Amino acid sequence: QVQLVESGGGLVQAGGSLRLSCLASGSISGLHIEGWYRQAPGKEREWVGTITPGGQTNYADAVKGRFTASRDNAKNTVYLQMNSLKPEDTGVYYCIARLGPRSYWGQGTQVTVSS
C-alpha cells in the first residue's frame, strides 16, 4: 500500500510564499512522485508541474517563474516552493505518484491566498 501525505498549505496574503511537501510511505519501492496538481473551487483539477526522478522540472504557464518543485529522494519527499502567490492560486493542492501502471494521489492540502 502506498500513502501520500501533502502538508504545508495555509492562508497567506497575495505576494507571500508557501512550501508544500509530499511525503510517500508504505510499499514505495519503484514509486515515482511525479508532481503536483491543484483544484480551485468549482473548477476541474489542473496540472501545476512535474519533476523527473533526476530533478528536471516542467510547469504550467500560470505558475512558471513563481513555483519551483524539488525532491529529496532520501526522504521520499517532493516539495513545491510557491512564491509571489496570487489569489488565483487558491485551491487544494495534490501530489501524484506512479508505480508501474498505477497512480496514487494524496488527500490534498488547502492553499488560500487573500487579496
PDB file of N, CA and C in Angstrom:
ATOM      1  N   GLN A   1       0.849  -1.184   0.000  1.00  0.00           N
ATOM      2  CA  GLN A   1       0.000   0.000   0.000  1.00  0.00           C
ATOM      3  C   GLN A   1       0.887   1.237   0.000  1.00  0.00           C
ATOM      4  N   VAL A   2       0.447   2.232  -0.744  1.00  0.00           N
ATOM      5  CA  VAL A   2       1.181   3.493  -0.860  1.00  0.00           C
ATOM      6  C   VAL A   2       0.369   4.598  -0.220  1.00  0.00           C
ATOM      7  N   GLN A   3       1.013   5.404   0.564  1.00  0.00           N
ATOM      8  CA  GLN A   3       0.365   6.589   1.131  1.00  0.00           C
ATOM      9  C   GLN A   3       1.150   7.830   0.715  1.00  0.00           C
ATOM     10  N   LEU A   4       0.408   8.840   0.299  1.00  0.00           N
ATOM     11  CA  LEU A   4       0.982  10.148   0.001  1.00  0.00           C
ATOM     12  C   LEU A   4       0.327  11.155   0.928  1.00  0.00           C
ATOM     13  N   VAL A   5       1.131  11.953   1.584  1.00  0.00           N
ATOM     14  CA  VAL A   5       0.595  12.950   2.503  1.00  0.00           C
ATOM     15  C   VAL A   5       1.183  14.304   2.146  1.00  0.00           C
ATOM     16  N   GLU A   6       0.284  15.217   1.758  1.00  0.00           N
ATOM     17  CA  GLU A   6       0.702  16.598   1.489  1.00  0.00           C
ATOM     18  C   GLU A   6       0.588  17.422   2.763  1.00  0.00           C
ATOM     19  N   SER A   7       1.445  18.401   2.882  1.00  0.00           N
ATOM     20  CA  SER A   7       1.375  19.317   4.012  1.00  0.00           C
ATOM     21  C   SER A   7       1.972  20.648   3.581  1.00  0.00           C
ATOM     22  N   GLY A   8       1.786  21.659   4.429  1.00  0.00           N
ATOM     23  CA  GLY A   8       2.375  22.958   4.178  1.00  0.00           C
ATOM     24  C   GLY A   8       1.422  24.014   3.665  1.00  0.00           C
ATOM     25  N   GLY A   9       0.182  23.632   3.411  1.00  0.00           N
ATOM     26  CA  GLY A   9      -0.786  24.619   2.958  1.00  0.00           C
ATOM     27  C   GLY A   9      -1.176  25.573   4.073  1.00  0.00           C
ATOM     28  N   GLY A  10      -1.950  26.576   3.709  1.00  0.00           N
ATOM     29  CA  GLY A  10      -2.398  27.540   4.697  1.00  0.00           C
ATOM     30  C   GLY A  10      -2.957  28.785   4.053  1.00  0.00           C
ATOM     31  N   LEU A  11      -3.136  29.790   4.872  1.00  0.00           N
ATOM     32  CA  LEU A  11      -3.657  31.084   4.424  1.00  0.00           C
ATOM     33  C   LEU A  11      -2.499  32.064   4.339  1.00  0.00           C
ATOM     34  N   VAL A  12      -2.382  32.725   3.212  1.00  0.00           N
ATOM     35  CA  VAL A  12      -1.288  33.677   3.010  1.00  0.00           C
ATOM     36  C   VAL A  12      -1.801  34.858   2.206  1.00  0.00           C
ATOM     37  N   GLN A  13      -1.214  36.005   2.415  1.00  0.00           N
ATOM     38  CA  GLN A  13      -1.587  37.182   1.634  1.00  0.00           C
ATOM     39  C   GLN A  13      -0.952  37.124   0.246  1.00  0.00           C
ATOM     40  N   ALA A  14      -1.579  37.803  -0.682  1.00  0.00           N
ATOM     41  CA  ALA A  14      -1.017  37.896  -2.025  1.00  0.00           C
ATOM     42  C   ALA A  14       0.413  38.427  -1.949  1.00  0.00           C
ATOM     43  N   GLY A  15       1.278  37.811  -2.727  1.00  0.00           N
ATOM     44  CA  GLY A  15       2.687  38.161  -2.713  1.00  0.00           C
ATOM     45  C   GLY A  15       3.514  37.311  -1.774  1.00  0.00           C
ATOM     46  N   GLY A  16       2.845  36.545  -0.941  1.00  0.00           N
ATOM     47  CA  GLY A  16       3.545  35.710   0.022  1.00  0.00           C
ATOM     48  C   GLY A  16       4.007  34.391  -0.558  1.00  0.00           C
ATOM     49  N   SER A  17       4.547  33.549   0.315  1.00  0.00           N
ATOM     50  CA  SER A  17       5.128  32.281  -0.100  1.00  0.00           C
ATOM     51  C   SER A  17       4.662  31.144   0.800  1.00  0.00           C
ATOM     52  N   LEU A  18       4.639  29.967   0.230  1.00  0.00           N
ATOM     53  CA  LEU A  18       4.397  28.733   0.981  1.00  0.00           C
ATOM     54  C   LEU A  18       5.266  27.646   0.374  1.00  0.00           C
ATOM     55  N   ARG A  19       5.601  26.657   1.179  1.00  0.00           N
ATOM     56  CA  ARG A  19       6.286  25.474   0.665  1.00  0.00           C
ATOM     57  C   ARG A  19       5.467  24.240   1.026  1.00  0.00           C
ATOM     58  N   LEU A  20       5.033  23.549   0.003  1.00  0.00           N
ATOM     59  CA  LEU A  20       4.286  22.315   0.193  1.00  0.00           C
ATOM     60  C   LEU A  20       5.232  21.134   0.181  1.00  0.00           C
ATOM     61  N   SER A  21       4.848  20.099   0.920  1.00  0.00           N
ATOM     62  CA  SER A  21       5.607  18.852   0.941  1.00  0.00           C
ATOM     63  C   SER A  21       4.684  17.698   0.589  1.00  0.00           C
ATOM     64  N   CYS A  22       5.246  16.693  -0.041  1.00  0.00           N
ATOM     65  CA  CYS A  22       4.517  15.462  -0.351  1.00  0.00           C
ATOM     66  C   CYS A  22       5.412  14.305   0.075  1.00  0.00           C
ATOM     67  N   LEU A  23       4.972  13.603   1.104  1.00  0.00           N
ATOM     68  CA  LEU A  23       5.750  12.503   1.664  1.00  0.00           C
ATOM     69  C   LEU A  23       5.124  11.177   1.258  1.00  0.00           C
ATOM     70  N   ALA A  24       5.937  10.303   0.707  1.00  0.00           N
ATOM     71  CA  ALA A  24       5.472   8.977   0.330  1.00  0.00           C
ATOM     72  C   ALA A  24       5.903   7.958   1.373  1.00  0.00           C
ATOM     73  N   SER A  25       5.012   7.012   1.680  1.00  0.00           N
ATOM     74  CA  SER A  25       5.341   5.950   2.622  1.00  0.00           C
ATOM     75  C   SER A  25       4.620   4.681   2.218  1.00  0.00           C
ATOM     76  N   GLY A  26       5.009   3.581   2.843  1.00  0.00           N
ATOM     77  CA  GLY A  26       4.404   2.297   2.527  1.00  0.00           C
ATOM     78  C   GLY A  26       5.279   1.515   1.563  1.00  0.00           C
ATOM     79  N   SER A  27       4.638   0.807   0.646  1.00  0.00           N
ATOM     80  CA  SER A  27       5.352  -0.021  -0.337  1.00  0.00           C
ATOM     81  C   SER A  27       5.796   0.861  -1.504  1.00  0.00           C
ATOM     82  N   ILE A  28       6.876   1.593  -1.326  1.00  0.00           N
ATOM     83  CA  ILE A  28       7.242   2.644  -2.271  1.00  0.00           C
ATOM     84  C   ILE A  28       8.434   2.286  -3.137  1.00  0.00           C
ATOM     85  N   SER A  29       8.880   1.043  -3.092  1.00  0.00           N
ATOM     86  CA  SER A  29       9.983   0.662  -3.965  1.00  0.00           C
ATOM     87  C   SER A  29       9.551   0.832  -5.421  1.00  0.00           C
ATOM     88  N   GLY A  30      10.289   1.625  -6.177  1.00  0.00           N
ATOM     89  CA  GLY A  30       9.956   1.898  -7.560  1.00  0.00           C
ATOM     90  C   GLY A  30       8.959   3.009  -7.759  1.00  0.00           C
ATOM     91  N   LEU A  31       8.472   3.594  -6.677  1.00  0.00           N
ATOM     92  CA  LEU A  31       7.478   4.672  -6.771  1.00  0.00           C
ATOM     93  C   LEU A  31       8.149   5.963  -7.220  1.00  0.00           C
ATOM     94  N   HIS A  32       7.483   6.681  -8.083  1.00  0.00           N
ATOM     95  CA  HIS A  32       7.973   7.989  -8.518  1.00  0.00           C
ATOM     96  C   HIS A  32       6.909   9.032  -8.217  1.00  0.00           C
ATOM     97  N   ILE A  33       7.250   9.966  -7.326  1.00  0.00           N
ATOM     98  CA  ILE A  33       6.353  11.107  -7.094  1.00  0.00           C
ATOM     99  C   ILE A  33       6.549  12.027  -8.281  1.00  0.00           C
ATOM    100  N   GLU A  34       5.501  12.159  -9.069  1.00  0.00           N
ATOM    101  CA  GLU A  34       5.618  12.771 -10.377  1.00  0.00           C
ATOM    102  C   GLU A  34       5.454  14.284 -10.352  1.00  0.00           C
ATOM    103  N   GLY A  35       4.584  14.790  -9.478  1.00  0.00           N
ATOM    104  CA  GLY A  35       4.395  16.230  -9.493  1.00  0.00           C
ATOM    105  C   GLY A  35       3.164  16.668  -8.748  1.00  0.00           C
ATOM    106  N   TRP A  36       2.658  17.819  -9.160  1.00  0.00           N
ATOM    107  CA  TRP A  36       1.589  18.499  -8.437  1.00  0.00           C
ATOM    108  C   TRP A  36       0.445  18.895  -9.357  1.00  0.00           C
ATOM    109  N   TYR A  37      -0.756  18.828  -8.796  1.00  0.00           N
ATOM    110  CA  TYR A  37      -1.967  19.342  -9.408  1.00  0.00           C
ATOM    111  C   TYR A  37      -2.665  20.227  -8.383  1.00  0.00           C
ATOM    112  N   ARG A  38      -3.638  20.995  -8.845  1.00  0.00           N
ATOM    113  CA  ARG A  38      -4.457  21.781  -7.929  1.00  0.00           C
ATOM    114  C   ARG A  38      -5.876  21.851  -8.443  1.00  0.00           C
ATOM    115  N   GLN A  39      -6.783  22.122  -7.520  1.00  0.00           N
ATOM    116  CA  GLN A  39      -8.196  22.244  -7.870  1.00  0.00           C
ATOM    117  C   GLN A  39      -8.783  23.431  -7.143  1.00  0.00           C
ATOM    118  N   ALA A  40      -9.191  24.420  -7.908  1.00  0.00           N
ATOM    119  CA  ALA A  40      -9.835  25.598  -7.354  1.00  0.00           C
ATOM    120  C   ALA A  40     -11.318  25.311  -7.169  1.00  0.00           C
ATOM    121  N   PRO A  41     -11.982  26.046  -6.278  1.00  0.00           N
ATOM    122  CA  PRO A  41     -13.416  25.827  -6.055  1.00  0.00           C
ATOM    123  C   PRO A  41     -14.206  25.955  -7.352  1.00  0.00           C
ATOM    124  N   GLY A  42     -15.019  24.964  -7.631  1.00  0.00           N
ATOM    125  CA  GLY A  42     -15.867  24.998  -8.812  1.00  0.00           C
ATOM    126  C   GLY A  42     -15.165  24.717 -10.117  1.00  0.00           C
ATOM    127  N   LYS A  43     -13.890  24.350 -10.063  1.00  0.00           N
ATOM    128  CA  LYS A  43     -13.131  24.088 -11.278  1.00  0.00           C
ATOM    129  C   LYS A  43     -12.564  22.671 -11.266  1.00  0.00           C
ATOM    130  N   GLU A  44     -12.150  22.240 -12.433  1.00  0.00           N
ATOM    131  CA  GLU A  44     -11.540  20.925 -12.538  1.00  0.00           C
ATOM    132  C   GLU A  44     -10.095  20.962 -12.036  1.00  0.00           C
ATOM    133  N   ARG A  45      -9.626  19.791 -11.669  1.00  0.00           N
ATOM    134  CA  ARG A  45      -8.237  19.682 -11.242  1.00  0.00           C
ATOM    135  C   ARG A  45      -7.322  19.999 -12.417  1.00  0.00           C
ATOM    136  N   GLU A  46      -6.283  20.772 -12.161  1.00  0.00           N
ATOM    137  CA  GLU A  46      -5.371  21.161 -13.230  1.00  0.00           C
ATOM    138  C   GLU A  46      -3.929  20.863 -12.840  1.00  0.00           C
ATOM    139  N   TRP A  47      -3.149  20.598 -13.860  1.00  0.00           N
ATOM    140  CA  TRP A  47      -1.737  20.295 -13.678  1.00  0.00           C
ATOM    141  C   TRP A  47      -0.979  21.561 -13.296  1.00  0.00           C
ATOM    142  N   VAL A  48      -0.071  21.420 -12.313  1.00  0.00           N
ATOM    143  CA  VAL A  48       0.760  22.536 -11.869  1.00  0.00           C
ATOM    144  C   VAL A  48       2.201  22.358 -12.358  1.00  0.00           C
ATOM    145  N   GLY A  49       2.749  21.189 -12.116  1.00  0.00           N
ATOM    146  CA  GLY A  49       4.126  20.964 -12.522  1.00  0.00           C
ATOM    147  C   GLY A  49       4.546  19.543 -12.287  1.00  0.00           C
ATOM    148  N   THR A  50       5.623  19.127 -12.967  1.00  0.00           N
ATOM    149  CA  THR A  50       6.169  17.803 -12.802  1.00  0.00           C
ATOM    150  C   THR A  50       7.652  17.877 -12.513  1.00  0.00           C
ATOM    151  N   ILE A  51       8.163  16.798 -11.905  1.00  0.00           N
ATOM    152  CA  ILE A  51       9.584  16.691 -11.634  1.00  0.00           C
ATOM    153  C   ILE A  51       9.995  15.265 -11.926  1.00  0.00           C
ATOM    154  N   THR A  52      11.074  15.108 -12.698  1.00  0.00           N
ATOM    155  CA  THR A  52      11.538  13.774 -13.042  1.00  0.00           C
ATOM    156  C   THR A  52      12.365  13.196 -11.892  1.00  0.00           C
ATOM    157  N   PRO A  53      12.639  11.890 -11.946  1.00  0.00           N
ATOM    158  CA  PRO A  53      13.498  11.320 -10.902  1.00  0.00           C
ATOM    159  C   PRO A  53      14.859  12.007 -10.823  1.00  0.00           C
ATOM    160  N   GLY A  54      15.324  12.540 -11.930  1.00  0.00           N
ATOM    161  CA  GLY A  54      16.598  13.240 -11.931  1.00  0.00           C
ATOM    162  C   GLY A  54      16.518  14.702 -11.545  1.00  0.00           C
ATOM    163  N   GLY A  55      15.296  15.179 -11.324  1.00  0.00           N
ATOM    164  CA  GLY A  55      15.134  16.550 -10.854  1.00  0.00           C
ATOM    165  C   GLY A  55      14.782  17.572 -11.914  1.00  0.00           C
ATOM    166  N   GLN A  56      14.612  17.139 -13.165  1.00  0.00           N
ATOM    167  CA  GLN A  56      14.177  18.091 -14.185  1.00  0.00           C
ATOM    168  C   GLN A  56      12.717  18.446 -13.954  1.00  0.00           C
ATOM    169  N   THR A  57      12.389  19.699 -14.207  1.00  0.00           N
ATOM    170  CA  THR A  57      11.046  20.187 -13.903  1.00  0.00           C
ATOM    171  C   THR A  57      10.384  20.813 -15.120  1.00  0.00           C
ATOM    172  N   ASN A  58       9.066  20.851 -15.040  1.00  0.00           N
ATOM    173  CA  ASN A  58       8.260  21.497 -16.065  1.00  0.00           C
ATOM    174  C   ASN A  58       7.023  22.044 -15.363  1.00  0.00           C
ATOM    175  N   TYR A  59       6.567  23.238 -15.802  1.00  0.00           N
ATOM    176  CA  TYR A  59       5.491  23.904 -15.085  1.00  0.00           C
ATOM    177  C   TYR A  59       4.423  24.416 -16.031  1.00  0.00           C
ATOM    178  N   ALA A  60       3.225  24.542 -15.480  1.00  0.00           N
ATOM    179  CA  ALA A  60       2.156  25.211 -16.207  1.00  0.00           C
ATOM    180  C   ALA A  60       2.511  26.689 -16.368  1.00  0.00           C
ATOM    181  N   ASP A  61       2.048  27.271 -17.456  1.00  0.00           N
ATOM    182  CA  ASP A  61       2.363  28.674 -17.716  1.00  0.00           C
ATOM    183  C   ASP A  61       1.921  29.579 -16.569  1.00  0.00           C
ATOM    184  N   ALA A  62       0.807  29.228 -15.917  1.00  0.00           N
ATOM    185  CA  ALA A  62       0.247  30.085 -14.868  1.00  0.00           C
ATOM    186  C   ALA A  62       1.167  30.207 -13.648  1.00  0.00           C
ATOM    187  N   VAL A  63       2.078  29.248 -13.476  1.00  0.00           N
ATOM    188  CA  VAL A  63       2.928  29.259 -12.281  1.00  0.00           C
ATOM    189  C   VAL A  63       4.404  29.380 -12.619  1.00  0.00           C
ATOM    190  N   LYS A  64       4.738  29.321 -13.900  1.00  0.00           N
ATOM    191  CA  LYS A  64       6.133  29.344 -14.321  1.00  0.00           C
ATOM    192  C   LYS A  64       6.813  30.616 -13.829  1.00  0.00           C
ATOM    193  N   GLY A  65       7.992  30.455 -13.259  1.00  0.00           N
ATOM    194  CA  GLY A  65       8.733  31.596 -12.722  1.00  0.00           C
ATOM    195  C   GLY A  65       8.400  31.909 -11.278  1.00  0.00           C
ATOM    196  N   ARG A  66       7.321  31.314 -10.761  1.00  0.00           N
ATOM    197  CA  ARG A  66       6.933  31.571  -9.367  1.00  0.00           C
ATOM    198  C   ARG A  66       7.010  30.311  -8.498  1.00  0.00           C
ATOM    199  N   PHE A  67       6.756  29.162  -9.098  1.00  0.00           N
ATOM    200  CA  PHE A  67       6.745  27.894  -8.361  1.00  0.00           C
ATOM    201  C   PHE A  67       7.980  27.075  -8.746  1.00  0.00           C
ATOM    202  N   THR A  68       8.515  26.367  -7.767  1.00  0.00           N
ATOM    203  CA  THR A  68       9.680  25.512  -8.007  1.00  0.00           C
ATOM    204  C   THR A  68       9.491  24.179  -7.294  1.00  0.00           C
ATOM    205  N   ALA A  69       9.569  23.105  -8.047  1.00  0.00           N
ATOM    206  CA  ALA A  69       9.490  21.763  -7.475  1.00  0.00           C
ATOM    207  C   ALA A  69      10.897  21.237  -7.224  1.00  0.00           C
ATOM    208  N   SER A  70      11.047  20.474  -6.159  1.00  0.00           N
ATOM    209  CA  SER A  70      12.326  19.840  -5.859  1.00  0.00           C
ATOM    210  C   SER A  70      12.040  18.517  -5.164  1.00  0.00           C
ATOM    211  N   ARG A  71      13.062  17.707  -5.056  1.00  0.00           N
ATOM    212  CA  ARG A  71      12.848  16.412  -4.405  1.00  0.00           C
ATOM    213  C   ARG A  71      14.025  16.051  -3.520  1.00  0.00           C
ATOM    214  N   ASP A  72      13.711  15.302  -2.466  1.00  0.00           N
ATOM    215  CA  ASP A  72      14.728  14.726  -1.594  1.00  0.00           C
ATOM    216  C   ASP A  72      14.460  13.232  -1.574  1.00  0.00           C
ATOM    217  N   ASN A  73      15.175  12.512  -2.407  1.00  0.00           N
ATOM    218  CA  ASN A  73      14.903  11.084  -2.552  1.00  0.00           C
ATOM    219  C   ASN A  73      15.168  10.318  -1.266  1.00  0.00           C
ATOM    220  N   ALA A  74      16.122  10.784  -0.479  1.00  0.00           N
ATOM    221  CA  ALA A  74      16.434  10.104   0.780  1.00  0.00           C
ATOM    222  C   ALA A  74      15.264  10.187   1.762  1.00  0.00           C
ATOM    223  N   LYS A  75      14.464  11.231   1.604  1.00  0.00           N
ATOM    224  CA  LYS A  75      13.313  11.425   2.496  1.00  0.00           C
ATOM    225  C   LYS A  75      12.000  11.045   1.830  1.00  0.00           C
ATOM    226  N   ASN A  76      12.082  10.526   0.595  1.00  0.00           N
ATOM    227  CA  ASN A  76      10.863  10.152  -0.137  1.00  0.00           C
ATOM    228  C   ASN A  76       9.879  11.318  -0.191  1.00  0.00           C
ATOM    229  N   THR A  77      10.402  12.496  -0.421  1.00  0.00           N
ATOM    230  CA  THR A  77       9.594  13.714  -0.359  1.00  0.00           C
ATOM    231  C   THR A  77       9.848  14.590  -1.574  1.00  0.00           C
ATOM    232  N   VAL A  78       8.770  15.150  -2.072  1.00  0.00           N
ATOM    233  CA  VAL A  78       8.827  16.168  -3.122  1.00  0.00           C
ATOM    234  C   VAL A  78       8.247  17.448  -2.553  1.00  0.00           C
ATOM    235  N   TYR A  79       8.836  18.563  -2.940  1.00  0.00           N
ATOM    236  CA  TYR A  79       8.428  19.858  -2.430  1.00  0.00           C
ATOM    237  C   TYR A  79       7.912  20.740  -3.568  1.00  0.00           C
ATOM    238  N   LEU A  80       7.101  21.715  -3.199  1.00  0.00           N
ATOM    239  CA  LEU A  80       6.683  22.740  -4.146  1.00  0.00           C
ATOM    240  C   LEU A  80       6.832  24.086  -3.441  1.00  0.00           C
ATOM    241  N   GLN A  81       7.843  24.834  -3.819  1.00  0.00           N
ATOM    242  CA  GLN A  81       8.037  26.179  -3.295  1.00  0.00           C
ATOM    243  C   GLN A  81       7.209  27.137  -4.134  1.00  0.00           C
ATOM    244  N   MET A  82       6.322  27.861  -3.477  1.00  0.00           N
ATOM    245  CA  MET A  82       5.405  28.757  -4.175  1.00  0.00           C
ATOM    246  C   MET A  82       5.677  30.180  -3.712  1.00  0.00           C
ATOM    247  N   ASN A  83       6.137  31.008  -4.618  1.00  0.00           N
ATOM    248  CA  ASN A  83       6.429  32.407  -4.318  1.00  0.00           C
ATOM    249  C   ASN A  83       5.492  33.323  -5.092  1.00  0.00           C
ATOM    250  N   SER A  84       5.447  34.569  -4.671  1.00  0.00           N
ATOM    251  CA  SER A  84       4.618  35.578  -5.350  1.00  0.00           C
ATOM    252  C   SER A  84       3.203  35.057  -5.568  1.00  0.00           C
ATOM    253  N   LEU A  85       2.629  34.513  -4.528  1.00  0.00           N
ATOM    254  CA  LEU A  85       1.314  33.895  -4.647  1.00  0.00           C
ATOM    255  C   LEU A  85       0.248  34.913  -5.003  1.00  0.00           C
ATOM    256  N   LYS A  86      -0.726  34.456  -5.782  1.00  0.00           N
ATOM    257  CA  LYS A  86      -1.835  35.286  -6.231  1.00  0.00           C
ATOM    258  C   LYS A  86      -3.141  34.673  -5.748  1.00  0.00           C
ATOM    259  N   PRO A  87      -4.196  35.472  -5.637  1.00  0.00           N
ATOM    260  CA  PRO A  87      -5.494  34.903  -5.229  1.00  0.00           C
ATOM    261  C   PRO A  87      -5.936  33.756  -6.130  1.00  0.00           C
ATOM    262  N   GLU A  88      -5.585  33.809  -7.401  1.00  0.00           N
ATOM    263  CA  GLU A  88      -5.992  32.736  -8.311  1.00  0.00           C
ATOM    264  C   GLU A  88      -5.213  31.439  -8.098  1.00  0.00           C
ATOM    265  N   ASP A  89      -4.226  31.460  -7.212  1.00  0.00           N
ATOM    266  CA  ASP A  89      -3.536  30.226  -6.835  1.00  0.00           C
ATOM    267  C   ASP A  89      -4.292  29.453  -5.757  1.00  0.00           C
ATOM    268  N   THR A  90      -5.356  30.037  -5.246  1.00  0.00           N
ATOM    269  CA  THR A  90      -6.154  29.387  -4.209  1.00  0.00           C
ATOM    270  C   THR A  90      -6.717  28.069  -4.702  1.00  0.00           C
ATOM    271  N   GLY A  91      -6.642  27.052  -3.851  1.00  0.00           N
ATOM    272  CA  GLY A  91      -7.187  25.745  -4.198  1.00  0.00           C
ATOM    273  C   GLY A  91      -6.592  24.663  -3.318  1.00  0.00           C
ATOM    274  N   VAL A  92      -7.018  23.442  -3.594  1.00  0.00           N
ATOM    275  CA  VAL A  92      -6.442  22.278  -2.920  1.00  0.00           C
ATOM    276  C   VAL A  92      -5.340  21.731  -3.812  1.00  0.00           C
ATOM    277  N   TYR A  93      -4.189  21.554  -3.243  1.00  0.00           N
ATOM    278  CA  TYR A  93      -3.022  21.076  -3.979  1.00  0.00           C
ATOM    279  C   TYR A  93      -2.785  19.606  -3.669  1.00  0.00           C
ATOM    280  N   TYR A  94      -2.607  18.840  -4.736  1.00  0.00           N
ATOM    281  CA  TYR A  94      -2.422  17.400  -4.629  1.00  0.00           C
ATOM    282  C   TYR A  94      -1.096  16.997  -5.266  1.00  0.00           C
ATOM    283  N   CYS A  95      -0.452  16.010  -4.673  1.00  0.00           N
ATOM    284  CA  CYS A  95       0.682  15.407  -5.365  1.00  0.00           C
ATOM    285  C   CYS A  95       0.219  14.082  -5.958  1.00  0.00           C
ATOM    286  N   ILE A  96       0.907  13.674  -7.002  1.00  0.00           N
ATOM    287  CA  ILE A  96       0.592  12.424  -7.690  1.00  0.00           C
ATOM    288  C   ILE A  96       1.866  11.612  -7.812  1.00  0.00           C
ATOM    289  N   ALA A  97       1.731  10.313  -7.626  1.00  0.00           N
ATOM    290  CA  ALA A  97       2.861   9.399  -7.753  1.00  0.00           C
ATOM    291  C   ALA A  97       2.429   8.217  -8.615  1.00  0.00           C
ATOM    292  N   ARG A  98       3.403   7.604  -9.255  1.00  0.00           N
ATOM    293  CA  ARG A  98       3.111   6.451 -10.104  1.00  0.00           C
ATOM    294  C   ARG A  98       4.028   5.294  -9.732  1.00  0.00           C
ATOM    295  N   LEU A  99       3.435   4.096  -9.788  1.00  0.00           N
ATOM    296  CA  LEU A  99       4.180   2.866  -9.571  1.00  0.00           C
ATOM    297  C   LEU A  99       3.699   1.888 -10.625  1.00  0.00           C
ATOM    298  N   GLY A 100       4.526   1.699 -11.639  1.00  0.00           N
ATOM    299  CA  GLY A 100       4.069   0.895 -12.763  1.00  0.00           C
ATOM    300  C   GLY A 100       2.873   1.576 -13.415  1.00  0.00           C
ATOM    301  N   PRO A 101       1.798   0.803 -13.648  1.00  0.00           N
ATOM    302  CA  PRO A 101       0.622   1.390 -14.303  1.00  0.00           C
ATOM    303  C   PRO A 101      -0.308   2.135 -13.360  1.00  0.00           C
ATOM    304  N   ARG A 102      -0.053   2.081 -12.080  1.00  0.00           N
ATOM    305  CA  ARG A 102      -0.957   2.677 -11.110  1.00  0.00           C
ATOM    306  C   ARG A 102      -0.501   4.079 -10.719  1.00  0.00           C
ATOM    307  N   SER A 103      -1.493   4.920 -10.481  1.00  0.00           N
ATOM    308  CA  SER A 103      -1.208   6.259  -9.963  1.00  0.00           C
ATOM    309  C   SER A 103      -1.854   6.412  -8.590  1.00  0.00           C
ATOM    310  N   TYR A 104      -1.248   7.243  -7.787  1.00  0.00           N
ATOM    311  CA  TYR A 104      -1.702   7.472  -6.421  1.00  0.00           C
ATOM    312  C   TYR A 104      -1.780   8.976  -6.173  1.00  0.00           C
ATOM    313  N   TRP A 105      -2.790   9.356  -5.406  1.00  0.00           N
ATOM    314  CA  TRP A 105      -2.986  10.756  -5.048  1.00  0.00           C
ATOM    315  C   TRP A 105      -2.960  10.888  -3.528  1.00  0.00           C
ATOM    316  N   GLY A 106      -2.486  12.034  -3.055  1.00  0.00           N
ATOM    317  CA  GLY A 106      -2.634  12.353  -1.654  1.00  0.00           C
ATOM    318  C   GLY A 106      -4.008  12.933  -1.392  1.00  0.00           C
ATOM    319  N   GLN A 107      -4.242  13.306  -0.139  1.00  0.00           N
ATOM    320  CA  GLN A 107      -5.561  13.833   0.247  1.00  0.00           C
ATOM    321  C   GLN A 107      -5.680  15.317  -0.047  1.00  0.00           C
ATOM    322  N   GLY A 108      -4.554  15.951  -0.361  1.00  0.00           N
ATOM    323  CA  GLY A 108      -4.572  17.367  -0.692  1.00  0.00           C
ATOM    324  C   GLY A 108      -4.302  18.256   0.504  1.00  0.00           C
ATOM    325  N   THR A 109      -3.805  19.440   0.208  1.00  0.00           N
ATOM    326  CA  THR A 109      -3.596  20.461   1.224  1.00  0.00           C
ATOM    327  C   THR A 109      -4.136  21.784   0.700  1.00  0.00           C
ATOM    328  N   GLN A 110      -4.882  22.476   1.536  1.00  0.00           N
ATOM    329  CA  GLN A 110      -5.568  23.703   1.112  1.00  0.00           C
ATOM    330  C   GLN A 110      -4.605  24.883   1.115  1.00  0.00           C
ATOM    331  N   VAL A 111      -4.612  25.616   0.036  1.00  0.00           N
ATOM    332  CA  VAL A 111      -3.875  26.875  -0.073  1.00  0.00           C
ATOM    333  C   VAL A 111      -4.880  27.982  -0.344  1.00  0.00           C
ATOM    334  N   THR A 112      -4.876  28.993   0.490  1.00  0.00           N
ATOM    335  CA  THR A 112      -5.770  30.127   0.313  1.00  0.00           C
ATOM    336  C   THR A 112      -4.939  31.400   0.280  1.00  0.00           C
ATOM    337  N   VAL A 113      -5.077  32.144  -0.803  1.00  0.00           N
ATOM    338  CA  VAL A 113      -4.331  33.387  -0.977  1.00  0.00           C
ATOM    339  C   VAL A 113      -5.325  34.539  -0.944  1.00  0.00           C
ATOM    340  N   SER A 114      -5.177  35.412   0.031  1.00  0.00           N
ATOM    341  CA  SER A 114      -6.085  36.546   0.170  1.00  0.00           C
ATOM    342  C   SER A 114      -5.520  37.757  -0.571  1.00  0.00           C
ATOM    343  N   SER A 115      -6.430  38.573  -1.059  1.00  0.00           N
ATOM    344  CA  SER A 115      -6.006  39.754  -1.828  1.00  0.00           C
ATOM    345  C   SER A 115      -5.800  40.960  -0.932  1.00  0.00           C
TER     346      SER A 115
END
